[in-house]
Amino acid sequence: MHLRPDRLRAHAAEAADMADALARLGRAPGPAGGLVDTAVARARRELAEVERSLRSAAAAAEAADHAAENALWRAGGRW
């Protein structure tokens, strides 16, 4: 599996943008407004979780790449 930290961060930024867009919607009108507001709040929380997970995955992928590069370097030179 090849993880690309730059793409993971780009997807994290998109998730954050979507959460921000939902936050700007305001409260839903009408009798079903409470249900809609609850669904929007849940979507915002889930998008925030996706963002955090993607940013963590990007950091972990970079750390793994650096660790592998360092191990190869110590094992006999640059590959």
C-alpha atoms as a PDB file:
ATOM      1  CA  MET A   1       0.000   0.000   0.000  1.00  0.00           C
ATOM      2  CA  HIS A   2       1.396   3.362  -0.949  1.00  0.00           C
ATOM      3  CA  LEU A   3       0.211   6.314   1.106  1.00  0.00           C
ATOM      4  CA  ARG A   4       0.804   9.787  -0.247  1.00  0.00           C
ATOM      5  CA  PRO A   5       0.903  12.283   2.625  1.00  0.00           C
ATOM      6  CA  ASP A   6       0.244  15.235   0.324  1.00  0.00           C
ATOM      7  CA  ARG A   7      -2.956  13.653  -0.977  1.00  0.00           C
ATOM      8  CA  LEU A   8      -4.041  12.634   2.508  1.00  0.00           C
ATOM      9  CA  ARG A   9      -3.611  16.231   3.686  1.00  0.00           C
ATOM     10  CA  ALA A  10      -5.535  17.516   0.652  1.00  0.00           C
ATOM     11  CA  HIS A  11      -8.420  15.176   1.460  1.00  0.00           C
ATOM     12  CA  ALA A  12      -8.278  16.281   5.105  1.00  0.00           C
ATOM     13  CA  ALA A  13      -8.576  19.907   3.981  1.00  0.00           C
ATOM     14  CA  GLU A  14     -11.585  19.006   1.838  1.00  0.00           C
ATOM     15  CA  ALA A  15     -13.260  17.328   4.815  1.00  0.00           C
ATOM     16  CA  ALA A  16     -12.621  20.453   6.893  1.00  0.00           C
ATOM     17  CA  ASP A  17     -14.093  22.625   4.145  1.00  0.00           C
ATOM     18  CA  MET A  18     -17.212  20.455   4.013  1.00  0.00           C
ATOM     19  CA  ALA A  19     -17.616  20.679   7.796  1.00  0.00           C
ATOM     20  CA  ASP A  20     -17.257  24.468   7.586  1.00  0.00           C
ATOM     21  CA  ALA A  21     -19.866  24.633   4.837  1.00  0.00           C
ATOM     22  CA  LEU A  22     -22.290  22.653   6.999  1.00  0.00           C
ATOM     23  CA  ALA A  23     -21.612  24.997   9.912  1.00  0.00           C
ATOM     24  CA  ARG A  24     -22.612  27.970   7.771  1.00  0.00           C
ATOM     25  CA  LEU A  25     -26.011  26.467   6.938  1.00  0.00           C
ATOM     26  CA  GLY A  26     -27.608  27.653  10.126  1.00  0.00           C
ATOM     27  CA  ARG A  27     -30.669  26.086  11.663  1.00  0.00           C
ATOM     28  CA  ALA A  28     -33.170  24.265   9.513  1.00  0.00           C
ATOM     29  CA  PRO A  29     -36.668  25.750   9.357  1.00  0.00           C
ATOM     30  CA  GLY A  30     -39.930  23.931   9.807  1.00  0.00           C
ATOM     31  CA  PRO A  31     -41.246  21.111  11.939  1.00  0.00           C
ATOM     32  CA  ALA A  32     -38.487  18.705  10.904  1.00  0.00           C
ATOM     33  CA  GLY A  33     -35.791  21.278  11.663  1.00  0.00           C
ATOM     34  CA  GLY A  34     -34.631  19.515  14.807  1.00  0.00           C
ATOM     35  CA  LEU A  35     -34.050  16.263  12.947  1.00  0.00           C
ATOM     36  CA  VAL A  36     -32.198  18.048  10.165  1.00  0.00           C
ATOM     37  CA  ASP A  37     -30.067  19.986  12.640  1.00  0.00           C
ATOM     38  CA  THR A  38     -29.182  16.754  14.430  1.00  0.00           C
ATOM     39  CA  ALA A  39     -28.162  15.106  11.157  1.00  0.00           C
ATOM     40  CA  VAL A  40     -26.066  18.120  10.141  1.00  0.00           C
ATOM     41  CA  ALA A  41     -24.340  18.219  13.537  1.00  0.00           C
ATOM     42  CA  ARG A  42     -23.533  14.517  13.262  1.00  0.00           C
ATOM     43  CA  ALA A  43     -22.158  14.984   9.748  1.00  0.00           C
ATOM     44  CA  ARG A  44     -19.955  17.827  10.998  1.00  0.00           C
ATOM     45  CA  ARG A  45     -18.580  15.641  13.801  1.00  0.00           C
ATOM     46  CA  GLU A  46     -17.912  12.788  11.399  1.00  0.00           C
ATOM     47  CA  LEU A  47     -16.166  15.081   8.920  1.00  0.00           C
ATOM     48  CA  ALA A  48     -13.995  16.431  11.734  1.00  0.00           C
ATOM     49  CA  GLU A  49     -13.098  12.850  12.670  1.00  0.00           C
ATOM     50  CA  VAL A  50     -12.259  12.055   9.042  1.00  0.00           C
ATOM     51  CA  GLU A  51     -10.053  15.140   8.896  1.00  0.00           C
ATOM     52  CA  ARG A  52      -8.165  14.139  12.054  1.00  0.00           C
ATOM     53  CA  SER A  53      -7.732  10.575  10.820  1.00  0.00           C
ATOM     54  CA  LEU A  54      -6.412  11.676   7.440  1.00  0.00           C
ATOM     55  CA  ARG A  55      -3.965  14.125   9.017  1.00  0.00           C
ATOM     56  CA  SER A  56      -2.768  11.402  11.399  1.00  0.00           C
ATOM     57  CA  ALA A  57      -2.374   8.957   8.516  1.00  0.00           C
ATOM     58  CA  ALA A  58      -0.325  11.525   6.586  1.00  0.00           C
ATOM     59  CA  ALA A  59       1.977  12.075   9.560  1.00  0.00           C
ATOM     60  CA  ALA A  60       2.350   8.327  10.109  1.00  0.00           C
ATOM     61  CA  ALA A  61       3.111   7.717   6.430  1.00  0.00           C
ATOM     62  CA  GLU A  62       5.807  10.387   6.461  1.00  0.00           C
ATOM     63  CA  ALA A  63       7.303   8.977   9.657  1.00  0.00           C
ATOM     64  CA  ALA A  64       7.341   5.463   8.174  1.00  0.00           C
ATOM     65  CA  ASP A  65       8.978   6.726   4.974  1.00  0.00           C
ATOM     66  CA  HIS A  66      11.674   8.502   6.979  1.00  0.00           C
ATOM     67  CA  ALA A  67      12.258   5.479   9.193  1.00  0.00           C
ATOM     68  CA  ALA A  68      12.565   3.184   6.175  1.00  0.00           C
ATOM     69  CA  GLU A  69      14.922   5.601   4.444  1.00  0.00           C
ATOM     70  CA  ASN A  70      17.091   5.823   7.565  1.00  0.00           C
ATOM     71  CA  ALA A  71      17.162   2.030   7.930  1.00  0.00           C
ATOM     72  CA  LEU A  72      18.201   1.589   4.303  1.00  0.00           C
ATOM     73  CA  TRP A  73      20.851   4.260   4.703  1.00  0.00           C
ATOM     74  CA  ARG A  74      22.290   2.499   7.742  1.00  0.00           C
ATOM     75  CA  ALA A  75      22.142  -0.858   5.943  1.00  0.00           C
ATOM     76  CA  GLY A  76      24.423   0.166   3.157  1.00  0.00           C
ATOM     77  CA  GLY A  77      23.823   3.450   1.510  1.00  0.00           C
ATOM     78  CA  ARG A  78      21.212   5.388  -0.297  1.00  0.00           C
ATOM     79  CA  TRP A  79      18.775   3.434  -2.455  1.00  0.00           C
END
